Amino acid sequence: MTAADKSANRLRREIAQLAAKIIAVDGVSDYLVAKRKAALRLGARPDKLMPSNHEIEEALSDYQRLFQGDAQPAALDSLRRTALEAMVFLKQFEPRLVGPVLSGNATRHSEIVLHLYSDSVEELAFFLGDQGVPFQSTERTLRLNQNEVGDFPAYRFLAGQTPVVLIVFSPMQKNIRPLSPIDGKPMQRADLRQVEALLQKTA
């Protein structure tokens, strides 16, 4: 390996480590934004030597273990318990937990993301309204395969101070496994019983 290659690899690692810190401390959830911020702070071009999302995820795990060894596990446990409460509340929509709260790399800034199934988007909106839950309508773009993305309706509300995002699928879309933005593989998803088991395991 040449000196130039070693220097490039070192800068790539530094960008990943600083991006992880930006995510963990500053609450930036978008990995691309975190990478660009890190590159600019290090004086690098934000379109060169960018680490992959998987490298960012590994650096984030390392940062949390080294610098948030006590606080992060407690925050994660709290987020998972809030997620479980939301899933029980939304049980009729067959919720599935996805994202950092499931994977374990959540920060205290993370939102809880649930995939729900409903015959109509309005059905979920009526349910939230009937239960007196203030919410906002939004939309999330998910990658369905290597060549296709889809826009899905979503709702966002606060459970205490924690944002909860509900992405709505039709029952006919139960077999759809959107791809993870981290590694490009089908997203990990956990149903109510699996989240209960996860909490028992980590208690």
Protein backbone atom coordinates (compact mmCIF):
# COMPACT_ATOMS: atom_id res chain seq x y z
CA MET A 1 0.00 0.00 0.00
CA THR A 2 1.40 3.38 -0.97
CA ALA A 3 1.75 6.32 1.39
CA ALA A 4 -1.09 8.05 -0.50
CA ASP A 5 -3.36 5.05 0.03
CA LYS A 6 -2.53 4.94 3.74
CA SER A 7 -3.27 8.65 4.04
CA ALA A 8 -6.59 8.26 2.21
CA ASN A 9 -7.61 5.34 4.44
CA ARG A 10 -6.69 7.29 7.56
CA LEU A 11 -8.77 10.27 6.43
CA ARG A 12 -11.68 7.95 5.62
CA ARG A 13 -11.53 6.52 9.17
CA GLU A 14 -11.34 10.02 10.65
CA ILE A 15 -14.41 11.08 8.69
CA ALA A 16 -16.30 8.00 9.90
CA GLN A 17 -15.29 8.61 13.52
CA LEU A 18 -16.22 12.29 13.46
CA ALA A 19 -19.50 11.54 11.67
CA ALA A 20 -20.31 9.00 14.40
CA LYS A 21 -19.68 11.65 17.06
CA ILE A 22 -21.91 14.12 15.21
CA ILE A 23 -24.69 11.52 15.16
CA ALA A 24 -24.25 10.52 18.80
CA VAL A 25 -23.79 13.99 20.29
CA ASP A 26 -25.43 16.47 17.93
CA GLY A 27 -28.43 14.30 17.07
CA VAL A 28 -27.93 14.29 13.29
CA SER A 29 -29.84 11.24 12.06
CA ASP A 30 -29.01 11.44 8.36
CA TYR A 31 -25.73 9.60 7.78
CA LEU A 32 -25.00 11.48 4.55
CA VAL A 33 -25.40 14.84 6.30
CA ALA A 34 -23.15 13.65 9.15
CA LYS A 35 -20.49 12.49 6.69
CA ARG A 36 -20.50 15.79 4.85
CA LYS A 37 -20.30 17.78 8.08
CA ALA A 38 -17.40 15.62 9.23
CA ALA A 39 -15.55 15.98 5.94
CA LEU A 40 -15.91 19.76 5.95
CA ARG A 41 -14.69 20.01 9.56
CA LEU A 42 -11.64 17.95 8.61
CA GLY A 43 -10.96 20.09 5.57
CA ALA A 44 -11.76 17.31 3.11
CA ARG A 45 -13.94 17.50 0.03
CA PRO A 46 -17.40 16.19 0.97
CA ASP A 47 -17.62 14.16 -2.25
CA LYS A 48 -14.32 12.31 -1.83
CA LEU A 49 -13.19 9.46 0.42
CA MET A 50 -16.64 9.12 1.94
CA PRO A 51 -16.98 6.11 4.26
CA SER A 52 -19.95 3.83 3.71
CA ASN A 53 -22.99 3.91 5.97
CA HIS A 54 -21.87 0.55 7.32
CA GLU A 55 -18.53 2.08 8.32
CA ILE A 56 -20.39 4.91 10.04
CA GLU A 57 -22.53 2.38 11.90
CA GLU A 58 -19.44 0.55 13.15
CA ALA A 59 -17.81 3.82 14.20
CA LEU A 60 -21.01 4.81 16.01
CA SER A 61 -21.01 1.52 17.93
CA ASP A 62 -17.39 2.13 18.92
CA TYR A 63 -18.11 5.71 20.00
CA GLN A 64 -21.09 4.69 22.09
CA ARG A 65 -19.14 1.91 23.76
CA LEU A 66 -16.15 4.13 24.54
CA PHE A 67 -17.78 7.42 25.47
CA GLN A 68 -21.41 6.60 26.32
CA GLY A 69 -20.98 3.24 28.00
CA ASP A 70 -23.44 4.05 30.79
CA ALA A 71 -25.80 6.58 29.22
CA GLN A 72 -26.44 4.95 25.84
CA PRO A 73 -27.69 1.55 27.09
CA ALA A 74 -30.08 3.29 29.47
CA ALA A 75 -31.35 5.59 26.71
CA LEU A 76 -31.76 2.62 24.37
CA ASP A 77 -33.71 0.67 26.97
CA SER A 78 -36.01 3.64 27.51
CA LEU A 79 -36.59 4.02 23.77
CA ARG A 80 -37.37 0.32 23.39
CA ARG A 81 -39.83 0.43 26.28
CA THR A 82 -41.54 3.44 24.73
CA ALA A 83 -41.59 1.57 21.41
CA LEU A 84 -43.22 -1.42 23.08
CA GLU A 85 -45.90 0.80 24.64
CA ALA A 86 -46.60 2.34 21.24
CA MET A 87 -46.80 -1.10 19.65
CA VAL A 88 -49.29 -2.30 22.25
CA PHE A 89 -51.32 0.87 21.66
CA LEU A 90 -51.24 0.24 17.89
CA LYS A 91 -51.57 -3.54 18.10
CA GLN A 92 -54.47 -3.74 15.65
CA PHE A 93 -52.16 -2.41 12.91
CA GLU A 94 -49.59 -5.20 13.41
CA PRO A 95 -46.65 -2.89 14.15
CA ARG A 96 -43.04 -3.79 13.39
CA LEU A 97 -40.12 -1.97 14.99
CA VAL A 98 -37.28 -0.98 12.62
CA GLY A 99 -34.21 1.22 12.62
CA PRO A 100 -31.65 2.17 15.29
CA VAL A 101 -33.97 1.48 18.24
CA LEU A 102 -34.11 -2.14 17.09
CA SER A 103 -30.49 -2.49 15.96
CA GLY A 104 -29.17 -0.99 19.21
CA ASN A 105 -27.33 2.03 17.81
CA ALA A 106 -29.99 4.53 18.81
CA THR A 107 -28.95 7.78 20.45
CA ARG A 108 -30.95 9.85 22.90
CA HIS A 109 -32.02 11.91 19.87
CA SER A 110 -33.36 8.94 17.88
CA GLU A 111 -36.93 8.62 16.76
CA ILE A 112 -38.88 5.39 17.05
CA VAL A 113 -39.89 4.05 13.65
CA LEU A 114 -42.72 1.55 13.23
CA HIS A 115 -44.06 -0.12 10.11
CA LEU A 116 -47.84 -0.54 10.29
CA TYR A 117 -50.40 -2.25 8.08
CA SER A 118 -53.78 -0.74 7.33
CA ASP A 119 -56.41 -1.06 4.60
CA SER A 120 -56.36 2.72 4.31
CA VAL A 121 -54.18 5.54 5.53
CA GLU A 122 -57.27 7.28 6.86
CA GLU A 123 -58.05 4.35 9.17
CA LEU A 124 -54.91 5.01 11.16
CA ALA A 125 -55.54 8.75 11.17
CA PHE A 126 -59.06 8.20 12.50
CA PHE A 127 -57.71 5.88 15.20
CA LEU A 128 -55.13 8.41 16.38
CA GLY A 129 -57.73 11.17 16.33
CA ASP A 130 -60.24 9.08 18.28
CA GLN A 131 -57.59 8.38 20.91
CA GLY A 132 -56.79 12.06 21.25
CA VAL A 133 -53.26 11.75 19.89
CA PRO A 134 -52.02 14.91 18.12
CA PHE A 135 -50.11 13.91 14.99
CA GLN A 136 -48.61 15.25 11.80
CA SER A 137 -48.95 13.74 8.35
CA THR A 138 -45.68 13.14 6.56
CA GLU A 139 -44.06 10.80 4.05
CA ARG A 140 -41.04 8.51 3.99
CA THR A 141 -39.08 7.34 0.97
CA LEU A 142 -37.88 3.74 1.20
CA ARG A 143 -35.71 1.73 -1.16
CA LEU A 144 -37.65 -1.35 -2.26
CA ASN A 145 -34.84 -2.94 -4.27
CA GLN A 146 -31.63 -1.89 -5.97
CA ASN A 147 -33.54 -0.11 -8.74
CA GLU A 148 -36.74 1.11 -7.13
CA VAL A 149 -37.76 3.48 -4.37
CA GLY A 150 -41.24 4.16 -3.07
CA ASP A 151 -42.91 6.98 -1.14
CA PHE A 152 -45.04 5.79 1.76
CA PRO A 153 -47.53 7.79 3.84
CA ALA A 154 -46.53 8.26 7.45
CA TYR A 155 -47.64 9.91 10.67
CA ARG A 156 -45.50 11.43 13.39
CA PHE A 157 -46.43 12.03 17.01
CA LEU A 158 -44.69 12.50 20.34
CA ALA A 159 -44.70 9.89 23.09
CA GLY A 160 -43.61 12.17 25.92
CA GLN A 161 -40.54 13.79 24.39
CA THR A 162 -39.81 10.94 21.99
CA PRO A 163 -40.86 11.24 18.33
CA VAL A 164 -42.63 8.18 16.94
CA VAL A 165 -42.94 7.74 13.17
CA LEU A 166 -45.57 5.40 11.76
CA ILE A 167 -44.96 4.32 8.16
CA VAL A 168 -48.11 2.85 6.64
CA PHE A 169 -48.19 -0.17 4.34
CA SER A 170 -51.23 -1.96 2.95
CA PRO A 171 -51.87 -5.54 4.15
CA MET A 172 -50.95 -6.72 0.64
CA GLN A 173 -47.46 -5.28 1.18
CA LYS A 174 -46.58 -7.46 4.16
CA ASN A 175 -43.96 -9.32 2.17
CA ILE A 176 -42.22 -6.10 1.16
CA ARG A 177 -38.91 -5.73 3.01
CA PRO A 178 -37.48 -2.29 2.26
CA LEU A 179 -33.71 -2.18 2.07
CA SER A 180 -31.69 -0.85 4.97
CA PRO A 181 -29.85 2.41 4.25
CA ILE A 182 -26.99 1.00 6.33
CA ASP A 183 -26.04 -2.17 4.48
CA GLY A 184 -28.49 -2.39 1.55
CA LYS A 185 -29.99 -5.63 2.88
CA PRO A 186 -33.68 -6.15 3.75
CA MET A 187 -34.47 -4.23 6.93
CA GLN A 188 -34.57 -6.05 10.22
CA ARG A 189 -38.05 -5.82 11.71
CA ALA A 190 -39.41 -7.01 15.04
CA ASP A 191 -43.02 -7.61 16.01
CA LEU A 192 -44.52 -7.10 19.46
CA ARG A 193 -43.42 -10.43 20.90
CA GLN A 194 -39.92 -10.06 19.53
CA VAL A 195 -39.52 -6.63 21.12
CA GLU A 196 -40.80 -8.02 24.43
CA ALA A 197 -38.24 -10.83 24.19
CA LEU A 198 -35.49 -8.33 23.35
CA LEU A 199 -36.27 -6.28 26.46
CA GLN A 200 -36.30 -9.38 28.64
CA LYS A 201 -32.96 -10.46 27.19
CA THR A 202 -31.30 -7.11 27.89
CA ALA A 203 -32.90 -6.54 31.29
